Amino acid sequence: MTYNVSRKQNFMMRATLMWTINDFPGYGMLSGWGTDGRLACSYCMEDTKAFQLANGGKTSWFDCHRRFLRKL
């Protein structure tokens, strides 16, 4: 319910977010998906193939998304 000041009455407002263009942190804030760490890929979700680098401990997704390409 939303209040219309000019008519001084309530009405049911309906809205749709059709598309958005934003950066990765903004995408995370908009969607509610975490954009850091091992589960940062919103396409893979929990089925991620991400791994930790041995020396730095950073998360890497190197070559993880190749499985989504067509096999020729």
PDB file of N, CA and C in Angstrom:
ATOM      1  N   MET A   1       0.841  -1.179   0.000  1.00  0.00           N
ATOM      2  CA  MET A   1       0.000   0.000   0.000  1.00  0.00           C
ATOM      3  C   MET A   1       0.891   1.248   0.000  1.00  0.00           C
ATOM      4  N   THR A   2       0.490   2.219  -0.796  1.00  0.00           N
ATOM      5  CA  THR A   2       1.194   3.492  -0.919  1.00  0.00           C
ATOM      6  C   THR A   2       0.198   4.624  -0.785  1.00  0.00           C
ATOM      7  N   TYR A   3       0.655   5.703  -0.193  1.00  0.00           N
ATOM      8  CA  TYR A   3      -0.240   6.849   0.028  1.00  0.00           C
ATOM      9  C   TYR A   3      -0.050   7.883  -1.069  1.00  0.00           C
ATOM     10  N   ASN A   4      -1.144   8.319  -1.711  1.00  0.00           N
ATOM     11  CA  ASN A   4      -1.136   9.350  -2.729  1.00  0.00           C
ATOM     12  C   ASN A   4      -1.483  10.682  -2.051  1.00  0.00           C
ATOM     13  N   VAL A   5      -0.511  11.586  -2.002  1.00  0.00           N
ATOM     14  CA  VAL A   5      -0.695  12.856  -1.298  1.00  0.00           C
ATOM     15  C   VAL A   5      -1.731  13.725  -1.993  1.00  0.00           C
ATOM     16  N   SER A   6      -1.724  13.778  -3.313  1.00  0.00           N
ATOM     17  CA  SER A   6      -2.648  14.664  -4.035  1.00  0.00           C
ATOM     18  C   SER A   6      -4.111  14.229  -3.870  1.00  0.00           C
ATOM     19  N   ARG A   7      -4.371  12.909  -3.853  1.00  0.00           N
ATOM     20  CA  ARG A   7      -5.748  12.413  -3.687  1.00  0.00           C
ATOM     21  C   ARG A   7      -6.100  12.097  -2.233  1.00  0.00           C
ATOM     22  N   LYS A   8      -5.069  12.088  -1.381  1.00  0.00           N
ATOM     23  CA  LYS A   8      -5.245  11.783   0.039  1.00  0.00           C
ATOM     24  C   LYS A   8      -5.905  10.410   0.265  1.00  0.00           C
ATOM     25  N   GLN A   9      -5.369   9.415  -0.462  1.00  0.00           N
ATOM     26  CA  GLN A   9      -5.876   8.050  -0.292  1.00  0.00           C
ATOM     27  C   GLN A   9      -4.764   7.039  -0.568  1.00  0.00           C
ATOM     28  N   ASN A  10      -4.942   5.841  -0.093  1.00  0.00           N
ATOM     29  CA  ASN A  10      -3.995   4.754  -0.324  1.00  0.00           C
ATOM     30  C   ASN A  10      -4.325   4.038  -1.631  1.00  0.00           C
ATOM     31  N   PHE A  11      -3.302   3.478  -2.251  1.00  0.00           N
ATOM     32  CA  PHE A  11      -3.497   2.642  -3.435  1.00  0.00           C
ATOM     33  C   PHE A  11      -2.435   1.559  -3.457  1.00  0.00           C
ATOM     34  N   MET A  12      -2.691   0.497  -4.206  1.00  0.00           N
ATOM     35  CA  MET A  12      -1.744  -0.609  -4.341  1.00  0.00           C
ATOM     36  C   MET A  12      -0.762  -0.285  -5.470  1.00  0.00           C
ATOM     37  N   MET A  13       0.503  -0.076  -5.120  1.00  0.00           N
ATOM     38  CA  MET A  13       1.529   0.207  -6.135  1.00  0.00           C
ATOM     39  C   MET A  13       2.199  -1.092  -6.545  1.00  0.00           C
ATOM     40  N   ARG A  14       2.341  -1.273  -7.842  1.00  0.00           N
ATOM     41  CA  ARG A  14       3.058  -2.428  -8.396  1.00  0.00           C
ATOM     42  C   ARG A  14       4.198  -1.897  -9.239  1.00  0.00           C
ATOM     43  N   ALA A  15       5.373  -2.506  -9.086  1.00  0.00           N
ATOM     44  CA  ALA A  15       6.553  -2.054  -9.822  1.00  0.00           C
ATOM     45  C   ALA A  15       7.381  -3.259 -10.239  1.00  0.00           C
ATOM     46  N   THR A  16       8.115  -3.107 -11.320  1.00  0.00           N
ATOM     47  CA  THR A  16       8.987  -4.150 -11.833  1.00  0.00           C
ATOM     48  C   THR A  16      10.339  -3.548 -12.185  1.00  0.00           C
ATOM     49  N   LEU A  17      11.388  -4.237 -11.779  1.00  0.00           N
ATOM     50  CA  LEU A  17      12.740  -3.868 -12.201  1.00  0.00           C
ATOM     51  C   LEU A  17      13.040  -4.683 -13.451  1.00  0.00           C
ATOM     52  N   MET A  18      13.101  -4.011 -14.601  1.00  0.00           N
ATOM     53  CA  MET A  18      13.240  -4.730 -15.862  1.00  0.00           C
ATOM     54  C   MET A  18      14.687  -5.058 -16.194  1.00  0.00           C
ATOM     55  N   TRP A  19      15.593  -4.127 -16.037  1.00  0.00           N
ATOM     56  CA  TRP A  19      17.004  -4.388 -16.285  1.00  0.00           C
ATOM     57  C   TRP A  19      17.836  -3.357 -15.555  1.00  0.00           C
ATOM     58  N   THR A  20      19.105  -3.691 -15.420  1.00  0.00           N
ATOM     59  CA  THR A  20      20.023  -2.778 -14.750  1.00  0.00           C
ATOM     60  C   THR A  20      21.428  -3.006 -15.286  1.00  0.00           C
ATOM     61  N   ILE A  21      22.199  -1.967 -15.326  1.00  0.00           N
ATOM     62  CA  ILE A  21      23.610  -2.060 -15.700  1.00  0.00           C
ATOM     63  C   ILE A  21      24.381  -1.469 -14.535  1.00  0.00           C
ATOM     64  N   ASN A  22      25.251  -2.266 -13.933  1.00  0.00           N
ATOM     65  CA  ASN A  22      25.998  -1.798 -12.783  1.00  0.00           C
ATOM     66  C   ASN A  22      27.295  -2.585 -12.634  1.00  0.00           C
ATOM     67  N   ASP A  23      28.103  -2.187 -11.685  1.00  0.00           N
ATOM     68  CA  ASP A  23      29.345  -2.893 -11.427  1.00  0.00           C
ATOM     69  C   ASP A  23      29.071  -4.119 -10.546  1.00  0.00           C
ATOM     70  N   PHE A  24      30.102  -4.928 -10.319  1.00  0.00           N
ATOM     71  CA  PHE A  24      29.929  -6.182  -9.604  1.00  0.00           C
ATOM     72  C   PHE A  24      29.486  -5.974  -8.154  1.00  0.00           C
ATOM     73  N   PRO A  25      30.081  -5.050  -7.384  1.00  0.00           N
ATOM     74  CA  PRO A  25      29.577  -4.813  -6.025  1.00  0.00           C
ATOM     75  C   PRO A  25      28.133  -4.292  -6.020  1.00  0.00           C
ATOM     76  N   GLY A  26      27.799  -3.442  -6.984  1.00  0.00           N
ATOM     77  CA  GLY A  26      26.426  -2.956  -7.097  1.00  0.00           C
ATOM     78  C   GLY A  26      25.464  -4.086  -7.426  1.00  0.00           C
ATOM     79  N   TYR A  27      25.908  -5.011  -8.272  1.00  0.00           N
ATOM     80  CA  TYR A  27      25.104  -6.185  -8.600  1.00  0.00           C
ATOM     81  C   TYR A  27      24.823  -7.010  -7.345  1.00  0.00           C
ATOM     82  N   GLY A  28      25.852  -7.165  -6.505  1.00  0.00           N
ATOM     83  CA  GLY A  28      25.685  -7.911  -5.270  1.00  0.00           C
ATOM     84  C   GLY A  28      24.690  -7.249  -4.328  1.00  0.00           C
ATOM     85  N   MET A  29      24.756  -5.922  -4.237  1.00  0.00           N
ATOM     86  CA  MET A  29      23.832  -5.196  -3.368  1.00  0.00           C
ATOM     87  C   MET A  29      22.399  -5.307  -3.899  1.00  0.00           C
ATOM     88  N   LEU A  30      22.229  -5.233  -5.207  1.00  0.00           N
ATOM     89  CA  LEU A  30      20.906  -5.289  -5.815  1.00  0.00           C
ATOM     90  C   LEU A  30      20.284  -6.681  -5.707  1.00  0.00           C
ATOM     91  N   SER A  31      21.097  -7.708  -5.955  1.00  0.00           N
ATOM     92  CA  SER A  31      20.566  -9.072  -5.988  1.00  0.00           C
ATOM     93  C   SER A  31      20.594  -9.769  -4.640  1.00  0.00           C
ATOM     94  N   GLY A  32      21.433  -9.292  -3.732  1.00  0.00           N
ATOM     95  CA  GLY A  32      21.562  -9.962  -2.449  1.00  0.00           C
ATOM     96  C   GLY A  32      22.551 -11.109  -2.467  1.00  0.00           C
ATOM     97  N   TRP A  33      23.231 -11.311  -3.598  1.00  0.00           N
ATOM     98  CA  TRP A  33      24.207 -12.384  -3.723  1.00  0.00           C
ATOM     99  C   TRP A  33      25.570 -11.861  -3.304  1.00  0.00           C
ATOM    100  N   GLY A  34      26.331 -12.666  -2.566  1.00  0.00           N
ATOM    101  CA  GLY A  34      27.678 -12.279  -2.157  1.00  0.00           C
ATOM    102  C   GLY A  34      28.615 -12.235  -3.356  1.00  0.00           C
ATOM    103  N   THR A  35      29.403 -11.201  -3.481  1.00  0.00           N
ATOM    104  CA  THR A  35      30.297 -11.066  -4.634  1.00  0.00           C
ATOM    105  C   THR A  35      31.757 -11.191  -4.237  1.00  0.00           C
ATOM    106  N   ASP A  36      32.024 -11.837  -3.112  1.00  0.00           N
ATOM    107  CA  ASP A  36      33.410 -12.098  -2.731  1.00  0.00           C
ATOM    108  C   ASP A  36      33.507 -13.512  -2.176  1.00  0.00           C
ATOM    109  N   GLY A  37      34.692 -14.055  -2.212  1.00  0.00           N
ATOM    110  CA  GLY A  37      34.904 -15.409  -1.711  1.00  0.00           C
ATOM    111  C   GLY A  37      34.628 -16.480  -2.746  1.00  0.00           C
ATOM    112  N   ARG A  38      34.554 -17.698  -2.288  1.00  0.00           N
ATOM    113  CA  ARG A  38      34.435 -18.863  -3.170  1.00  0.00           C
ATOM    114  C   ARG A  38      33.105 -18.922  -3.911  1.00  0.00           C
ATOM    115  N   LEU A  39      32.031 -18.440  -3.304  1.00  0.00           N
ATOM    116  CA  LEU A  39      30.703 -18.526  -3.911  1.00  0.00           C
ATOM    117  C   LEU A  39      30.296 -17.235  -4.607  1.00  0.00           C
ATOM    118  N   ALA A  40      31.247 -16.489  -5.142  1.00  0.00           N
ATOM    119  CA  ALA A  40      30.949 -15.198  -5.754  1.00  0.00           C
ATOM    120  C   ALA A  40      30.265 -15.309  -7.114  1.00  0.00           C
ATOM    121  N   CYS A  41      30.426 -16.416  -7.799  1.00  0.00           N
ATOM    122  CA  CYS A  41      29.835 -16.555  -9.127  1.00  0.00           C
ATOM    123  C   CYS A  41      28.348 -16.854  -9.005  1.00  0.00           C
ATOM    124  N   SER A  42      27.523 -15.938  -9.463  1.00  0.00           N
ATOM    125  CA  SER A  42      26.069 -16.125  -9.356  1.00  0.00           C
ATOM    126  C   SER A  42      25.542 -17.115 -10.392  1.00  0.00           C
ATOM    127  N   TYR A  43      26.357 -17.494 -11.352  1.00  0.00           N
ATOM    128  CA  TYR A  43      25.943 -18.476 -12.350  1.00  0.00           C
ATOM    129  C   TYR A  43      26.190 -19.895 -11.833  1.00  0.00           C
ATOM    130  N   CYS A  44      27.352 -20.109 -11.237  1.00  0.00           N
ATOM    131  CA  CYS A  44      27.706 -21.438 -10.712  1.00  0.00           C
ATOM    132  C   CYS A  44      27.008 -21.736  -9.389  1.00  0.00           C
ATOM    133  N   MET A  45      26.813 -20.719  -8.593  1.00  0.00           N
ATOM    134  CA  MET A  45      26.235 -20.828  -7.246  1.00  0.00           C
ATOM    135  C   MET A  45      27.021 -21.851  -6.420  1.00  0.00           C
ATOM    136  N   GLU A  46      26.346 -22.820  -5.817  1.00  0.00           N
ATOM    137  CA  GLU A  46      27.037 -23.782  -4.956  1.00  0.00           C
ATOM    138  C   GLU A  46      27.807 -24.831  -5.752  1.00  0.00           C
ATOM    139  N   ASP A  47      27.578 -24.930  -7.047  1.00  0.00           N
ATOM    140  CA  ASP A  47      28.255 -25.911  -7.899  1.00  0.00           C
ATOM    141  C   ASP A  47      29.531 -25.314  -8.494  1.00  0.00           C
ATOM    142  N   THR A  48      30.243 -24.542  -7.721  1.00  0.00           N
ATOM    143  CA  THR A  48      31.431 -23.849  -8.215  1.00  0.00           C
ATOM    144  C   THR A  48      32.644 -24.765  -8.263  1.00  0.00           C
ATOM    145  N   LYS A  49      33.543 -24.478  -9.153  1.00  0.00           N
ATOM    146  CA  LYS A  49      34.808 -25.200  -9.261  1.00  0.00           C
ATOM    147  C   LYS A  49      35.964 -24.298  -8.816  1.00  0.00           C
ATOM    148  N   ALA A  50      35.655 -23.236  -8.077  1.00  0.00           N
ATOM    149  CA  ALA A  50      36.671 -22.298  -7.606  1.00  0.00           C
ATOM    150  C   ALA A  50      37.624 -23.001  -6.642  1.00  0.00           C
ATOM    151  N   PHE A  51      38.849 -22.490  -6.574  1.00  0.00           N
ATOM    152  CA  PHE A  51      39.850 -23.080  -5.686  1.00  0.00           C
ATOM    153  C   PHE A  51      40.729 -21.973  -5.107  1.00  0.00           C
ATOM    154  N   GLN A  52      41.434 -22.287  -4.044  1.00  0.00           N
ATOM    155  CA  GLN A  52      42.327 -21.342  -3.388  1.00  0.00           C
ATOM    156  C   GLN A  52      43.730 -21.477  -3.965  1.00  0.00           C
ATOM    157  N   LEU A  53      44.376 -20.350  -4.262  1.00  0.00           N
ATOM    158  CA  LEU A  53      45.753 -20.370  -4.725  1.00  0.00           C
ATOM    159  C   LEU A  53      46.664 -20.777  -3.568  1.00  0.00           C
ATOM    160  N   ALA A  54      47.685 -21.571  -3.871  1.00  0.00           N
ATOM    161  CA  ALA A  54      48.539 -22.150  -2.838  1.00  0.00           C
ATOM    162  C   ALA A  54      49.315 -21.091  -2.051  1.00  0.00           C
ATOM    163  N   ASN A  55      49.927 -20.133  -2.732  1.00  0.00           N
ATOM    164  CA  ASN A  55      50.798 -19.182  -2.039  1.00  0.00           C
ATOM    165  C   ASN A  55      50.062 -17.962  -1.499  1.00  0.00           C
ATOM    166  N   GLY A  56      49.086 -17.476  -2.197  1.00  0.00           N
ATOM    167  CA  GLY A  56      48.410 -16.260  -1.772  1.00  0.00           C
ATOM    168  C   GLY A  56      47.124 -16.494  -1.018  1.00  0.00           C
ATOM    169  N   GLY A  57      46.514 -17.662  -1.197  1.00  0.00           N
ATOM    170  CA  GLY A  57      45.255 -17.961  -0.536  1.00  0.00           C
ATOM    171  C   GLY A  57      44.051 -17.282  -1.167  1.00  0.00           C
ATOM    172  N   LYS A  58      44.260 -16.608  -2.303  1.00  0.00           N
ATOM    173  CA  LYS A  58      43.142 -15.939  -2.967  1.00  0.00           C
ATOM    174  C   LYS A  58      42.295 -16.953  -3.728  1.00  0.00           C
ATOM    175  N   THR A  59      41.030 -16.624  -3.901  1.00  0.00           N
ATOM    176  CA  THR A  59      40.119 -17.482  -4.650  1.00  0.00           C
ATOM    177  C   THR A  59      40.354 -17.292  -6.139  1.00  0.00           C
ATOM    178  N   SER A  60      40.379 -18.396  -6.888  1.00  0.00           N
ATOM    179  CA  SER A  60      40.580 -18.340  -8.332  1.00  0.00           C
ATOM    180  C   SER A  60      39.497 -19.146  -9.035  1.00  0.00           C
ATOM    181  N   TRP A  61      39.021 -18.599 -10.140  1.00  0.00           N
ATOM    182  CA  TRP A  61      38.034 -19.287 -10.974  1.00  0.00           C
ATOM    183  C   TRP A  61      38.641 -19.620 -12.334  1.00  0.00           C
ATOM    184  N   PHE A  62      39.975 -19.691 -12.403  1.00  0.00           N
ATOM    185  CA  PHE A  62      40.662 -19.943 -13.661  1.00  0.00           C
ATOM    186  C   PHE A  62      40.168 -21.245 -14.277  1.00  0.00           C
ATOM    187  N   ASP A  63      39.691 -21.163 -15.508  1.00  0.00           N
ATOM    188  CA  ASP A  63      39.243 -22.311 -16.299  1.00  0.00           C
ATOM    189  C   ASP A  63      38.013 -23.013 -15.722  1.00  0.00           C
ATOM    190  N   CYS A  64      37.311 -22.379 -14.788  1.00  0.00           N
ATOM    191  CA  CYS A  64      36.139 -23.006 -14.164  1.00  0.00           C
ATOM    192  C   CYS A  64      34.898 -22.938 -15.034  1.00  0.00           C
ATOM    193  N   HIS A  65      34.820 -21.955 -15.914  1.00  0.00           N
ATOM    194  CA  HIS A  65      33.602 -21.756 -16.690  1.00  0.00           C
ATOM    195  C   HIS A  65      33.676 -22.386 -18.078  1.00  0.00           C
ATOM    196  N   ARG A  66      34.750 -23.074 -18.367  1.00  0.00           N
ATOM    197  CA  ARG A  66      34.896 -23.750 -19.652  1.00  0.00           C
ATOM    198  C   ARG A  66      33.841 -24.838 -19.829  1.00  0.00           C
ATOM    199  N   ARG A  67      33.352 -25.378 -18.739  1.00  0.00           N
ATOM    200  CA  ARG A  67      32.348 -26.463 -18.809  1.00  0.00           C
ATOM    201  C   ARG A  67      31.030 -25.988 -19.391  1.00  0.00           C
ATOM    202  N   PHE A  68      30.793 -24.669 -19.445  1.00  0.00           N
ATOM    203  CA  PHE A  68      29.553 -24.144 -19.991  1.00  0.00           C
ATOM    204  C   PHE A  68      29.628 -23.908 -21.506  1.00  0.00           C
ATOM    205  N   LEU A  69      30.813 -24.053 -22.091  1.00  0.00           N
ATOM    206  CA  LEU A  69      30.977 -23.852 -23.537  1.00  0.00           C
ATOM    207  C   LEU A  69      30.549 -25.094 -24.299  1.00  0.00           C
ATOM    208  N   ARG A  70      30.125 -24.877 -25.537  1.00  0.00           N
ATOM    209  CA  ARG A  70      29.766 -26.006 -26.407  1.00  0.00           C
ATOM    210  C   ARG A  70      31.002 -26.832 -26.718  1.00  0.00           C
ATOM    211  N   LYS A  71      30.831 -28.128 -26.764  1.00  0.00           N
ATOM    212  CA  LYS A  71      31.909 -29.006 -27.189  1.00  0.00           C
ATOM    213  C   LYS A  71      31.894 -29.096 -28.701  1.00  0.00           C
ATOM    214  N   LEU A  72      33.028 -28.840 -29.333  1.00  0.00           N
ATOM    215  CA  LEU A  72      33.100 -28.890 -30.794  1.00  0.00           C
ATOM    216  C   LEU A  72      33.570 -30.215 -31.293  1.00  0.00           C
TER     217      LEU A  72
END
